[in-house]
N, C-alpha and C. Protein backbone atom coordinates (compact mmCIF):
# COMPACT_ATOMS: atom_id res chain seq x y z
N MET A 1 118.46 139.55 148.16
CA MET A 1 117.94 138.95 147.13
C MET A 1 117.80 139.90 145.89
N LYS A 2 118.21 139.73 144.80
CA LYS A 2 118.01 140.60 143.69
C LYS A 2 116.72 140.33 142.86
N LEU A 3 115.79 141.28 142.91
CA LEU A 3 114.43 141.05 142.33
C LEU A 3 114.55 141.40 140.83
N ARG A 4 113.92 140.58 139.95
CA ARG A 4 113.87 140.85 138.54
C ARG A 4 112.78 142.02 138.24
N THR A 5 112.99 142.98 137.41
CA THR A 5 112.15 143.81 137.05
C THR A 5 111.11 143.28 136.02
N PRO A 6 109.85 143.88 135.86
CA PRO A 6 108.93 143.34 134.92
C PRO A 6 109.44 143.24 133.53
N LEU A 7 110.31 144.15 133.09
CA LEU A 7 110.90 144.36 131.76
C LEU A 7 111.98 143.00 131.57
N ALA A 8 112.73 142.78 132.76
CA ALA A 8 113.71 141.69 132.62
C ALA A 8 113.07 140.37 132.51
N THR A 9 111.90 140.18 133.27
CA THR A 9 111.09 138.98 133.22
C THR A 9 110.60 138.84 131.92
N THR A 10 109.98 139.84 131.23
CA THR A 10 109.40 139.83 129.91
C THR A 10 110.54 139.26 128.85
N LEU A 11 111.68 139.89 128.90
CA LEU A 11 112.80 139.48 127.92
C LEU A 11 113.18 138.09 128.09
N LEU A 12 113.26 137.61 129.35
CA LEU A 12 113.64 136.23 129.50
C LEU A 12 112.61 135.25 129.02
N CYS A 13 111.37 135.58 129.08
CA CYS A 13 110.16 134.82 128.56
C CYS A 13 110.31 134.71 126.93
N LEU A 14 110.65 135.89 126.37
CA LEU A 14 110.76 135.87 124.84
C LEU A 14 111.84 135.23 124.40
N ALA A 15 113.10 135.23 125.24
CA ALA A 15 114.31 134.64 124.89
C ALA A 15 114.25 133.21 124.85
N ALA A 16 113.56 132.63 125.85
CA ALA A 16 113.54 131.13 126.09
C ALA A 16 113.05 130.45 124.86
N PRO A 17 111.88 130.61 124.26
CA PRO A 17 111.48 129.98 123.10
C PRO A 17 112.43 130.07 121.77
N PHE A 18 112.92 131.27 121.79
CA PHE A 18 113.98 131.47 120.59
C PHE A 18 115.08 130.62 120.76
N ALA A 19 115.66 130.50 122.02
CA ALA A 19 116.81 129.64 122.20
C ALA A 19 116.50 128.18 121.96
N ALA A 20 115.29 127.70 122.39
CA ALA A 20 114.88 126.30 122.20
C ALA A 20 114.76 126.02 120.66
N ALA A 21 114.19 126.99 119.93
CA ALA A 21 114.10 126.82 118.54
C ALA A 21 115.38 126.78 117.91
N GLN A 22 116.42 127.51 118.32
CA GLN A 22 117.77 127.60 117.79
C GLN A 22 118.40 126.20 117.86
N THR A 23 118.18 125.53 119.09
CA THR A 23 118.86 124.21 119.32
C THR A 23 118.10 123.14 118.73
N ALA A 24 116.79 123.38 118.32
CA ALA A 24 116.09 122.22 117.80
C ALA A 24 116.22 122.04 116.35
N VAL A 25 116.76 123.01 115.59
CA VAL A 25 116.85 122.89 114.19
C VAL A 25 118.35 122.19 113.90
N PRO A 26 118.33 121.09 113.34
CA PRO A 26 119.57 120.49 113.06
C PRO A 26 120.26 121.00 111.91
N THR A 27 121.52 121.08 112.00
CA THR A 27 122.39 121.60 110.89
C THR A 27 122.62 120.58 109.76
N PRO A 28 122.19 120.79 108.55
CA PRO A 28 122.46 119.81 107.42
C PRO A 28 123.78 119.42 107.35
N ALA A 29 124.14 118.20 107.14
CA ALA A 29 125.43 117.70 106.89
C ALA A 29 126.06 118.20 105.59
N PRO A 30 127.32 118.67 105.52
CA PRO A 30 127.79 119.09 104.25
C PRO A 30 127.66 118.16 103.20
N GLY A 31 127.18 118.42 101.99
CA GLY A 31 127.10 117.51 100.89
C GLY A 31 125.91 116.56 101.01
N ALA A 32 124.98 116.67 101.91
CA ALA A 32 124.01 115.77 102.18
C ALA A 32 122.96 115.74 101.00
N SER A 33 122.44 114.63 100.56
CA SER A 33 121.48 114.55 99.48
C SER A 33 120.50 113.51 99.66
N ALA A 34 119.48 113.50 99.02
CA ALA A 34 118.35 112.42 99.05
C ALA A 34 118.81 111.09 98.86
N PRO A 35 118.30 110.05 99.55
CA PRO A 35 118.83 108.82 99.41
C PRO A 35 118.50 108.32 97.91
N PRO A 36 119.39 107.39 97.44
CA PRO A 36 119.19 106.97 96.09
C PRO A 36 117.94 106.02 95.91
N PRO A 37 117.32 105.96 94.80
CA PRO A 37 116.12 105.04 94.65
C PRO A 37 116.58 103.67 94.80
N PRO A 38 115.57 102.72 95.05
CA PRO A 38 115.92 101.34 95.15
C PRO A 38 116.31 100.85 93.92
N PRO A 39 116.97 99.52 93.88
CA PRO A 39 117.37 99.04 92.60
C PRO A 39 116.13 98.97 91.57
N PHE A 40 116.45 99.33 90.28
CA PHE A 40 115.47 99.27 89.26
C PHE A 40 115.10 97.77 88.94
N THR A 41 113.87 97.70 88.47
CA THR A 41 113.27 96.39 88.13
C THR A 41 112.85 96.36 86.67
N PHE A 42 113.04 97.29 85.98
CA PHE A 42 112.64 97.47 84.46
C PHE A 42 113.60 98.22 83.66
N PHE A 43 113.86 97.83 82.56
CA PHE A 43 114.61 98.64 81.59
C PHE A 43 114.54 98.14 80.17
N VAL A 44 114.80 99.03 79.29
CA VAL A 44 114.91 98.86 77.89
C VAL A 44 116.45 98.45 77.61
N THR A 45 116.77 97.60 76.87
CA THR A 45 118.17 97.21 76.66
C THR A 45 118.85 98.32 75.86
N SER A 46 120.08 98.68 76.30
CA SER A 46 120.84 99.84 75.66
C SER A 46 121.34 99.19 74.28
N THR A 47 121.48 97.97 74.14
CA THR A 47 121.89 97.37 72.79
C THR A 47 121.13 96.07 72.66
N GLY A 48 121.00 95.72 71.21
CA GLY A 48 120.51 94.51 71.00
C GLY A 48 121.52 93.48 70.92
N ALA A 49 121.26 92.21 70.42
CA ALA A 49 122.12 91.17 70.25
C ALA A 49 123.15 91.48 69.06
N GLY A 50 122.68 92.42 68.19
CA GLY A 50 123.44 92.65 67.01
C GLY A 50 123.32 91.60 65.80
N ASN A 51 122.36 90.60 66.00
CA ASN A 51 122.20 89.69 65.05
C ASN A 51 120.65 89.63 64.69
N GLY A 52 120.12 90.72 64.57
CA GLY A 52 118.67 90.97 64.17
C GLY A 52 117.90 90.39 65.41
N ALA A 53 116.74 89.64 65.04
CA ALA A 53 115.84 89.05 65.94
C ALA A 53 116.40 87.71 66.62
N ASN A 54 117.52 87.36 66.14
CA ASN A 54 118.09 86.06 66.55
C ASN A 54 118.85 86.16 67.94
N TYR A 55 118.09 85.77 68.99
CA TYR A 55 118.81 85.76 70.46
C TYR A 55 119.10 84.36 70.89
N GLY A 56 118.91 83.40 70.03
CA GLY A 56 119.04 82.06 70.33
C GLY A 56 117.96 81.57 71.38
N GLY A 57 116.73 82.14 70.95
CA GLY A 57 115.56 81.87 71.62
C GLY A 57 115.36 82.46 72.95
N LEU A 58 114.20 82.18 73.80
CA LEU A 58 113.93 82.85 75.03
C LEU A 58 115.14 82.81 75.99
N PRO A 59 115.83 81.62 76.19
CA PRO A 59 117.00 81.54 77.08
C PRO A 59 118.06 82.65 76.77
N GLY A 60 118.31 82.75 75.39
CA GLY A 60 119.40 83.73 75.08
C GLY A 60 118.98 85.22 75.30
N ALA A 61 117.66 85.52 75.06
CA ALA A 61 117.11 86.80 75.32
C ALA A 61 117.21 87.10 76.86
N ASP A 62 116.81 86.24 77.66
CA ASP A 62 116.85 86.37 79.14
C ASP A 62 118.32 86.63 79.56
N ALA A 63 119.20 85.91 78.97
CA ALA A 63 120.69 86.04 79.31
C ALA A 63 121.14 87.39 78.93
N HIS A 64 120.68 88.02 77.81
CA HIS A 64 121.03 89.36 77.42
C HIS A 64 120.54 90.51 78.48
N CYS A 65 119.40 90.26 78.97
CA CYS A 65 118.83 91.03 79.92
C CYS A 65 119.75 90.93 81.21
N GLN A 66 120.01 89.70 81.56
CA GLN A 66 120.81 89.48 82.78
C GLN A 66 122.12 90.09 82.71
N LYS A 67 122.80 89.98 81.58
CA LYS A 67 124.12 90.53 81.30
C LYS A 67 124.25 91.95 81.55
N LEU A 68 123.16 92.71 81.00
CA LEU A 68 123.25 94.12 81.13
C LEU A 68 122.90 94.62 82.40
N ALA A 69 122.03 93.92 83.07
CA ALA A 69 121.63 94.22 84.42
C ALA A 69 122.86 94.04 85.45
N ASP A 70 123.58 92.93 85.23
CA ASP A 70 124.75 92.72 85.99
C ASP A 70 125.79 93.78 85.81
N ALA A 71 125.97 94.08 84.62
CA ALA A 71 127.03 95.21 84.40
C ALA A 71 126.59 96.48 84.90
N ALA A 72 125.31 96.77 85.05
CA ALA A 72 124.79 97.93 85.59
C ALA A 72 124.82 97.97 87.25
N GLY A 73 125.33 96.78 87.76
CA GLY A 73 125.35 96.60 89.20
C GLY A 73 124.06 96.28 89.87
N ASN A 74 122.98 95.84 89.14
CA ASN A 74 121.69 95.61 89.74
C ASN A 74 121.80 94.20 90.51
N PRO A 75 121.38 94.21 91.75
CA PRO A 75 121.42 92.92 92.55
C PRO A 75 120.30 91.83 92.20
N TYR A 76 119.28 92.19 91.46
CA TYR A 76 118.34 91.10 91.25
C TYR A 76 118.86 89.99 90.42
N LYS A 77 118.55 88.87 90.72
CA LYS A 77 119.20 87.59 90.23
C LYS A 77 118.47 86.97 89.00
N THR A 78 117.16 87.31 88.88
CA THR A 78 116.38 86.67 87.74
C THR A 78 115.75 87.76 86.83
N TRP A 79 116.19 87.93 85.63
CA TRP A 79 115.71 88.91 84.72
C TRP A 79 115.07 88.13 83.48
N ARG A 80 113.97 88.66 82.98
CA ARG A 80 113.29 87.97 81.84
C ARG A 80 113.12 89.11 80.78
N ALA A 81 113.33 88.68 79.56
CA ALA A 81 112.94 89.53 78.45
C ALA A 81 111.34 89.40 78.24
N TYR A 82 110.73 90.50 78.02
CA TYR A 82 109.37 90.56 77.70
C TYR A 82 109.11 90.04 76.15
N LEU A 83 108.99 88.63 76.10
CA LEU A 83 108.84 88.10 74.82
C LEU A 83 107.87 86.89 74.92
N SER A 84 106.89 86.83 73.95
CA SER A 84 106.06 85.56 73.94
C SER A 84 106.72 84.67 72.76
N ALA A 85 106.49 83.34 72.95
CA ALA A 85 106.92 82.42 71.94
C ALA A 85 105.65 81.68 71.55
N GLN A 86 105.73 81.41 70.23
CA GLN A 86 104.41 80.63 69.67
C GLN A 86 104.69 79.18 69.78
N ALA A 87 103.70 78.51 69.70
CA ALA A 87 103.66 76.93 69.80
C ALA A 87 104.36 76.39 68.56
N ALA A 88 105.32 75.57 68.77
CA ALA A 88 106.05 74.98 67.62
C ALA A 88 106.80 73.84 67.96
N ASN A 89 106.95 72.81 67.08
CA ASN A 89 107.69 71.66 67.29
C ASN A 89 107.22 70.93 68.58
N GLY A 90 105.97 70.71 68.72
CA GLY A 90 105.37 70.25 69.93
C GLY A 90 105.52 70.82 71.19
N GLN A 91 105.96 72.03 71.16
CA GLN A 91 106.14 72.79 72.47
C GLN A 91 105.10 73.83 72.55
N PRO A 92 104.48 73.93 73.74
CA PRO A 92 103.29 74.95 73.86
C PRO A 92 103.87 76.41 73.86
N ALA A 93 102.77 77.24 73.55
CA ALA A 93 103.09 78.64 73.52
C ALA A 93 103.50 79.08 74.91
N VAL A 94 104.28 80.25 74.89
CA VAL A 94 104.91 80.92 76.10
C VAL A 94 104.34 82.34 76.02
N HIS A 95 103.88 82.77 77.13
CA HIS A 95 103.04 84.11 77.01
C HIS A 95 103.99 85.12 77.89
N ALA A 96 104.42 86.35 77.30
CA ALA A 96 105.22 87.21 77.92
C ALA A 96 104.79 87.45 79.37
N ARG A 97 103.48 87.81 79.48
CA ARG A 97 102.87 88.23 80.74
C ARG A 97 103.16 87.29 81.96
N GLU A 98 103.37 86.08 81.59
CA GLU A 98 103.50 85.04 82.59
C GLU A 98 105.00 84.75 83.00
N ARG A 99 105.86 85.53 82.39
CA ARG A 99 107.31 85.34 82.51
C ARG A 99 108.02 86.31 83.31
N ILE A 100 107.39 87.44 83.68
CA ILE A 100 108.06 88.62 84.22
C ILE A 100 107.85 88.86 85.67
N GLY A 101 107.25 88.00 86.57
CA GLY A 101 107.05 88.14 87.79
C GLY A 101 105.72 88.90 88.07
N LYS A 102 105.69 89.38 89.38
CA LYS A 102 104.35 90.10 89.76
C LYS A 102 104.48 91.61 89.81
N GLY A 103 105.62 92.03 89.79
CA GLY A 103 105.74 93.61 90.01
C GLY A 103 105.71 93.95 91.42
N PRO A 104 105.71 95.27 91.67
CA PRO A 104 105.79 96.34 90.84
C PRO A 104 107.18 96.54 90.06
N TRP A 105 107.11 97.32 89.12
CA TRP A 105 108.43 97.55 88.24
C TRP A 105 108.69 99.03 88.13
N THR A 106 109.94 99.41 88.42
CA THR A 106 110.37 100.73 88.52
C THR A 106 111.62 100.81 87.61
N ASN A 107 111.78 102.03 87.06
CA ASN A 107 113.04 102.21 86.18
C ASN A 107 114.22 102.78 87.06
N VAL A 108 115.27 103.08 86.37
CA VAL A 108 116.51 103.49 86.99
C VAL A 108 116.32 104.68 87.91
N ARG A 109 115.32 105.55 87.68
CA ARG A 109 115.14 106.63 88.45
C ARG A 109 114.13 106.49 89.59
N GLY A 110 113.75 105.27 89.66
CA GLY A 110 112.63 104.92 90.68
C GLY A 110 111.24 105.26 90.42
N GLN A 111 110.98 105.49 89.00
CA GLN A 111 109.65 105.85 88.59
C GLN A 111 108.97 104.48 88.50
N VAL A 112 107.81 104.39 88.87
CA VAL A 112 106.92 103.26 88.73
C VAL A 112 106.46 103.06 87.27
N ILE A 113 106.75 101.97 86.70
CA ILE A 113 106.19 101.61 85.39
C ILE A 113 104.77 100.99 85.37
N ALA A 114 104.70 100.15 86.27
CA ALA A 114 103.41 99.36 86.55
C ALA A 114 103.29 98.69 87.96
N ARG A 115 102.26 98.70 88.46
CA ARG A 115 102.07 98.08 89.75
C ARG A 115 102.13 96.50 89.85
N ASP A 116 101.63 95.99 88.79
CA ASP A 116 101.42 94.54 88.65
C ASP A 116 101.20 94.22 87.22
N VAL A 117 100.89 92.91 86.90
CA VAL A 117 100.68 92.48 85.58
C VAL A 117 99.39 93.05 84.96
N ALA A 118 98.40 93.10 85.75
CA ALA A 118 97.10 93.64 85.36
C ALA A 118 97.15 95.11 84.92
N HIS A 119 97.88 95.92 85.81
CA HIS A 119 98.02 97.31 85.45
C HIS A 119 98.96 97.42 84.18
N LEU A 120 99.95 96.71 84.10
CA LEU A 120 100.78 96.75 82.87
C LEU A 120 100.08 96.57 81.60
N HIS A 121 99.06 95.63 81.54
CA HIS A 121 98.43 95.28 80.30
C HIS A 121 96.96 95.93 80.33
N GLY A 122 96.59 96.63 81.35
CA GLY A 122 95.23 97.24 81.42
C GLY A 122 94.11 96.32 81.36
N ASP A 123 94.26 95.10 82.23
CA ASP A 123 93.22 94.05 82.07
C ASP A 123 91.85 94.45 82.47
N GLU A 124 91.68 95.42 83.36
CA GLU A 124 90.37 95.88 83.71
C GLU A 124 90.12 97.21 83.16
N LEU A 125 88.78 97.46 83.01
CA LEU A 125 88.38 98.62 82.22
C LEU A 125 88.94 100.05 82.96
N GLU A 126 89.07 100.06 84.24
CA GLU A 126 89.54 101.23 84.93
C GLU A 126 91.05 101.19 84.66
N LEU A 127 91.66 100.12 84.68
CA LEU A 127 93.14 100.07 84.41
C LEU A 127 93.39 100.46 83.04
N ALA A 128 92.60 99.99 82.16
CA ALA A 128 92.90 100.43 80.73
C ALA A 128 92.64 101.84 80.55
N ARG A 129 91.65 102.43 81.17
CA ARG A 129 91.53 103.96 81.08
C ARG A 129 92.77 104.68 81.64
N LEU A 130 93.23 104.22 82.75
CA LEU A 130 94.38 104.93 83.38
C LEU A 130 95.69 104.61 82.64
N GLY A 131 96.01 103.35 82.31
CA GLY A 131 97.11 102.96 81.61
C GLY A 131 98.31 102.84 82.51
N ASN A 132 99.27 102.10 82.00
CA ASN A 132 100.51 101.99 82.74
C ASN A 132 101.41 103.44 82.52
N ASN A 133 102.52 103.34 83.19
CA ASN A 133 103.39 104.55 83.12
C ASN A 133 104.53 104.38 82.20
N LEU A 134 104.41 103.43 81.20
CA LEU A 134 105.58 103.14 80.23
C LEU A 134 105.40 104.16 79.11
N SER A 135 106.44 105.09 78.98
CA SER A 135 106.33 106.07 77.93
C SER A 135 107.80 106.47 77.65
N ARG A 136 107.91 107.46 76.72
CA ARG A 136 109.23 107.92 76.26
C ARG A 136 110.01 108.54 77.32
N GLY A 137 109.31 109.02 78.39
CA GLY A 137 110.07 109.74 79.50
C GLY A 137 110.42 108.74 80.48
N THR A 138 109.83 107.49 80.53
CA THR A 138 110.09 106.58 81.69
C THR A 138 110.79 105.27 81.16
N ALA A 139 110.68 104.96 79.85
CA ALA A 139 111.29 103.74 79.33
C ALA A 139 112.83 104.03 79.14
N LEU A 140 113.64 103.88 80.18
CA LEU A 140 114.96 104.19 80.14
C LEU A 140 115.82 102.77 80.01
N THR A 141 117.14 103.04 79.65
CA THR A 141 117.94 101.87 79.62
C THR A 141 118.47 101.47 80.96
N GLU A 142 119.19 100.38 80.98
CA GLU A 142 119.85 99.94 82.39
C GLU A 142 120.81 101.01 82.83
N LYS A 143 121.21 101.90 81.86
CA LYS A 143 122.28 102.91 82.29
C LYS A 143 121.51 104.29 82.59
N GLY A 144 120.19 104.17 82.58
CA GLY A 144 119.45 105.44 82.87
C GLY A 144 119.38 106.37 81.80
N GLU A 145 119.62 105.90 80.62
CA GLU A 145 119.57 106.74 79.25
C GLU A 145 118.51 106.62 78.54
N PRO A 146 117.91 107.68 77.78
CA PRO A 146 116.84 107.54 77.00
C PRO A 146 117.04 106.68 75.74
N VAL A 147 116.05 106.17 75.25
CA VAL A 147 116.18 105.37 73.95
C VAL A 147 115.71 106.26 72.81
N LYS A 148 116.20 106.13 71.69
CA LYS A 148 115.96 107.02 70.47
C LYS A 148 114.63 106.54 70.02
N GLY A 149 113.74 107.55 69.84
CA GLY A 149 112.37 107.33 69.43
C GLY A 149 111.86 108.01 68.16
N GLN A 150 110.60 108.22 68.03
CA GLN A 150 110.15 108.91 66.78
C GLN A 150 110.84 110.36 66.81
N GLY A 151 111.26 110.77 65.70
CA GLY A 151 111.86 112.04 65.49
C GLY A 151 113.29 112.06 65.74
N ASP A 152 113.92 111.02 66.39
CA ASP A 152 115.33 110.86 66.44
C ASP A 152 115.99 110.22 65.28
N ARG A 153 117.40 110.34 65.17
CA ARG A 153 118.03 109.62 64.15
C ARG A 153 119.11 108.81 64.55
N PRO A 154 119.15 107.55 64.59
CA PRO A 154 117.97 106.69 63.95
C PRO A 154 116.81 106.66 64.93
N ASN A 155 115.57 106.36 64.45
CA ASN A 155 114.44 105.95 65.15
C ASN A 155 114.61 104.48 65.59
N GLU A 156 114.57 104.22 66.96
CA GLU A 156 114.73 102.91 67.37
C GLU A 156 113.63 102.43 68.32
N HIS A 157 112.42 102.97 68.09
CA HIS A 157 111.30 102.81 69.02
C HIS A 157 110.69 101.38 68.92
N ASP A 158 110.90 100.52 67.91
CA ASP A 158 110.52 99.28 67.81
C ASP A 158 111.19 98.38 68.84
N ILE A 159 110.35 97.80 69.80
CA ILE A 159 110.91 96.87 70.78
C ILE A 159 110.30 95.51 70.52
N LEU A 160 111.23 94.44 70.33
CA LEU A 160 110.67 93.19 70.15
C LEU A 160 109.90 92.55 71.25
N THR A 161 108.73 92.00 70.93
CA THR A 161 107.80 91.47 72.06
C THR A 161 107.19 90.14 71.50
N GLY A 162 106.97 90.04 70.27
CA GLY A 162 106.13 88.85 69.84
C GLY A 162 104.94 88.58 70.55
N SER A 163 104.24 89.70 70.91
CA SER A 163 103.05 89.50 71.84
C SER A 163 101.80 90.26 71.23
N THR A 164 100.68 89.84 71.67
CA THR A 164 99.37 90.50 71.53
C THR A 164 99.37 91.64 72.58
N THR A 165 98.37 92.56 72.48
CA THR A 165 98.26 93.74 73.35
C THR A 165 98.11 93.22 74.87
N ASP A 166 97.48 92.03 75.04
CA ASP A 166 97.39 91.50 76.38
C ASP A 166 98.63 90.72 76.80
N GLY A 167 99.71 90.72 76.18
CA GLY A 167 100.85 89.99 76.50
C GLY A 167 100.94 88.57 76.27
N ARG A 168 100.25 88.05 75.48
CA ARG A 168 100.23 86.70 75.10
C ARG A 168 100.65 86.24 73.63
N ALA A 169 101.10 85.13 73.49
CA ALA A 169 101.52 84.65 72.10
C ALA A 169 100.31 84.66 71.11
N PHE A 170 100.65 84.96 69.80
CA PHE A 170 99.63 84.81 68.81
C PHE A 170 99.19 83.45 68.53
N PRO A 171 97.99 83.10 68.42
CA PRO A 171 97.45 81.76 68.32
C PRO A 171 97.61 81.28 66.97
N ASP A 172 97.64 82.16 65.92
CA ASP A 172 97.56 81.80 64.45
C ASP A 172 98.81 81.18 64.13
N GLY A 173 98.88 80.57 62.91
CA GLY A 173 100.19 79.95 62.44
C GLY A 173 101.21 80.85 61.79
N ALA A 174 100.83 82.21 61.65
CA ALA A 174 101.68 83.16 60.96
C ALA A 174 102.87 83.41 61.97
N ASP A 175 104.05 83.40 61.53
CA ASP A 175 105.30 83.73 62.30
C ASP A 175 105.28 85.17 62.82
N LYS A 176 105.18 85.31 64.09
CA LYS A 176 105.18 86.64 64.81
C LYS A 176 106.38 86.81 65.72
N THR A 177 107.26 85.93 65.56
CA THR A 177 108.37 85.90 66.58
C THR A 177 109.73 85.55 65.87
N CYS A 178 109.89 85.68 64.59
CA CYS A 178 111.19 85.37 63.87
C CYS A 178 111.61 84.04 64.43
N ARG A 179 110.75 83.09 64.25
CA ARG A 179 110.92 81.64 64.62
C ARG A 179 111.44 81.47 66.07
N ASN A 180 110.58 82.19 66.94
CA ASN A 180 110.80 82.19 68.31
C ASN A 180 112.28 82.65 68.61
N TYR A 181 112.57 83.86 67.89
CA TYR A 181 113.88 84.54 68.17
C TYR A 181 115.16 83.61 68.02
N THR A 182 115.04 82.85 66.80
CA THR A 182 116.16 82.11 66.41
C THR A 182 116.58 82.44 65.03
N SER A 183 115.86 83.37 64.34
CA SER A 183 116.11 83.75 62.89
C SER A 183 116.66 85.22 62.75
N SER A 184 117.66 85.31 61.83
CA SER A 184 118.07 86.71 61.47
C SER A 184 118.01 86.75 59.93
N ALA A 185 117.08 86.06 59.41
CA ALA A 185 116.97 85.98 57.99
C ALA A 185 116.26 87.30 57.40
N GLU A 186 116.34 87.48 56.07
CA GLU A 186 115.68 88.71 55.60
C GLU A 186 114.27 88.69 55.66
N ASP A 187 113.77 87.52 55.59
CA ASP A 187 112.30 87.27 55.62
C ASP A 187 111.79 87.01 57.10
N GLY A 188 110.50 86.75 57.13
CA GLY A 188 109.98 86.53 58.49
C GLY A 188 109.55 87.88 59.15
N SER A 189 109.14 87.70 60.34
CA SER A 189 108.55 88.95 60.98
C SER A 189 108.50 88.62 62.48
N ALA A 190 108.68 89.69 63.28
CA ALA A 190 108.38 89.68 64.77
C ALA A 190 107.61 90.98 65.21
N GLN A 191 106.57 90.59 65.97
CA GLN A 191 105.72 91.68 66.49
C GLN A 191 106.56 92.60 67.52
N VAL A 192 106.32 93.92 67.32
CA VAL A 192 107.04 94.96 68.17
C VAL A 192 106.11 95.88 68.67
N GLY A 193 106.56 96.52 69.71
CA GLY A 193 105.88 97.57 70.39
C GLY A 193 106.61 98.99 70.32
N HIS A 194 105.91 99.97 70.53
CA HIS A 194 106.49 101.35 70.47
C HIS A 194 106.58 101.95 71.83
N PHE A 195 107.81 101.98 72.37
CA PHE A 195 108.11 102.36 73.85
C PHE A 195 107.64 103.85 73.96
N ASP A 196 107.85 104.70 72.83
CA ASP A 196 107.42 106.01 72.92
C ASP A 196 105.85 106.43 72.70
N ARG A 197 105.13 105.38 72.44
CA ARG A 197 103.73 105.42 72.18
C ARG A 197 103.42 106.30 71.06
N THR A 198 104.19 106.41 70.01
CA THR A 198 104.03 107.21 68.84
C THR A 198 104.16 106.41 67.53
N GLY A 199 103.69 106.92 66.45
CA GLY A 199 103.95 106.23 65.25
C GLY A 199 102.55 105.96 64.44
N GLY A 200 101.86 107.12 64.13
CA GLY A 200 100.67 107.10 63.46
C GLY A 200 99.65 106.28 64.37
N ASN A 201 98.89 105.28 63.80
CA ASN A 201 97.89 104.65 64.72
C ASN A 201 98.66 103.48 65.48
N ASN A 202 99.87 103.30 65.39
CA ASN A 202 100.63 102.19 66.00
C ASN A 202 101.18 102.74 67.36
N THR A 203 100.41 102.96 68.38
CA THR A 203 100.98 103.44 69.56
C THR A 203 100.96 102.47 70.73
N SER A 204 100.67 101.13 70.48
CA SER A 204 100.84 100.25 71.59
C SER A 204 102.31 100.02 72.07
N TRP A 205 102.45 100.04 73.36
CA TRP A 205 103.87 99.78 73.84
C TRP A 205 104.37 98.32 73.65
N ASN A 206 103.44 97.38 73.39
CA ASN A 206 103.83 95.97 73.25
C ASN A 206 103.41 95.19 72.05
N SER A 207 102.52 95.90 71.33
CA SER A 207 101.99 95.23 70.02
C SER A 207 101.61 96.22 68.94
N ALA A 208 102.52 96.85 68.34
CA ALA A 208 102.27 97.93 67.35
C ALA A 208 102.04 97.43 65.97
N HIS A 209 103.06 96.55 65.55
CA HIS A 209 103.09 96.03 63.94
C HIS A 209 104.13 94.94 64.03
N GLY A 210 104.29 94.18 62.93
CA GLY A 210 105.23 93.28 62.61
C GLY A 210 106.47 93.94 62.07
N SER A 211 107.68 93.41 62.21
CA SER A 211 108.92 93.94 61.60
C SER A 211 108.96 93.58 60.07
N ARG A 212 109.61 94.10 59.26
CA ARG A 212 109.78 93.89 57.72
C ARG A 212 110.58 92.59 57.49
N GLY A 213 111.24 92.12 58.55
CA GLY A 213 112.13 90.98 58.38
C GLY A 213 112.77 90.58 59.78
N CYS A 214 113.77 89.75 59.74
CA CYS A 214 114.23 89.31 60.97
C CYS A 214 115.77 89.60 61.03
N SER A 215 116.35 90.08 59.98
CA SER A 215 117.74 90.55 59.99
C SER A 215 118.03 91.86 60.70
N GLN A 216 119.18 92.25 61.07
CA GLN A 216 119.47 93.46 61.66
C GLN A 216 119.11 94.55 60.71
N ALA A 217 119.31 94.45 59.55
CA ALA A 217 119.06 95.62 58.51
C ALA A 217 117.60 95.69 58.40
N LYS A 218 116.80 94.64 58.32
CA LYS A 218 115.34 94.72 58.37
C LYS A 218 114.71 95.44 59.66
N LEU A 219 115.24 94.94 60.87
CA LEU A 219 114.80 95.64 61.91
C LEU A 219 114.96 97.12 61.94
N ILE A 220 116.15 97.54 61.41
CA ILE A 220 116.46 98.95 61.36
C ILE A 220 115.59 99.63 60.44
N SER A 221 115.33 98.95 59.28
CA SER A 221 114.40 99.73 58.29
C SER A 221 112.89 99.76 58.79
N SER A 222 112.60 98.93 59.74
CA SER A 222 111.32 99.05 60.29
C SER A 222 111.14 100.10 61.44
N GLY A 223 112.25 100.53 61.95
CA GLY A 223 112.31 101.60 62.96
C GLY A 223 112.73 101.11 64.32
N GLY A 224 113.63 100.09 64.30
CA GLY A 224 114.15 99.46 65.51
C GLY A 224 115.68 99.11 65.52
N ALA A 225 115.96 98.38 66.46
CA ALA A 225 117.42 97.88 66.59
C ALA A 225 117.53 96.60 67.26
N GLY A 226 116.40 95.83 67.33
CA GLY A 226 116.45 94.52 68.03
C GLY A 226 116.51 94.67 69.53
N LEU A 227 116.03 95.85 70.10
CA LEU A 227 115.97 96.02 71.55
C LEU A 227 114.94 95.11 72.30
N LEU A 228 115.03 95.05 73.60
CA LEU A 228 114.09 94.29 74.44
C LEU A 228 113.58 95.03 75.63
N TYR A 229 112.43 94.74 76.09
CA TYR A 229 112.01 95.15 77.40
C TYR A 229 112.46 94.22 78.40
N CYS A 230 113.11 94.49 79.51
CA CYS A 230 113.53 93.47 80.53
C CYS A 230 112.96 93.85 81.88
N PHE A 231 112.34 92.80 82.59
CA PHE A 231 111.74 92.84 83.83
C PHE A 231 112.51 91.96 84.87
N ALA A 232 112.60 92.50 86.06
CA ALA A 232 113.02 91.61 87.12
C ALA A 232 112.03 90.71 87.60
N ALA A 233 112.08 89.49 87.51
CA ALA A 233 111.02 88.50 87.82
C ALA A 233 111.27 88.08 89.33
N GLN A 234 112.36 88.30 89.89
CA GLN A 234 112.81 87.99 91.22
C GLN A 234 114.02 88.73 91.74
């Protein structure tokens, strides 16, 4: 029988864990990358209707969101434009916050915009302090592209909402929705938000100021292009 020397025994003991470690480390697959983020549930429209604030009402605005999401290959079936409608012609008001589902909402990069409706609107004191995550860096289009904001040419940071800061329709009689998104006239007005949270004192993402009119030219002169916020409601 061949006896091992103390030196040979020591070398075998040192080599065993090294060999085990070598076999335990997997070799990365060529070209391997991180898994893609889940399908997005929020975006800013890359284009408007091209007819000012006239989308043919809420159904037309929803259809615009749906069309862009479908073209981007998003599997969600129900998209809603973040728009409030005022009471008119015997019809009750419609509140944007009640149209967009429960959340959470993420952009094309998988970044969380808001966990739920309360977080989106800062309903509670702590939520209002922390705020949602909707900003210039996260408010991307369905193509994953940034939107032109303050300082860009042209500035298109005005996003149509027709809403108060808490996501509801305005209760007064003044038109805040360009006749519930059916007008492209030179007069009238629609409430807009600033996606980039800039613009003097008007930094609200959903209720910064009213547009100068309802036509495409008037929306452009106000600092917008008739763009919408779109949320996956289902």
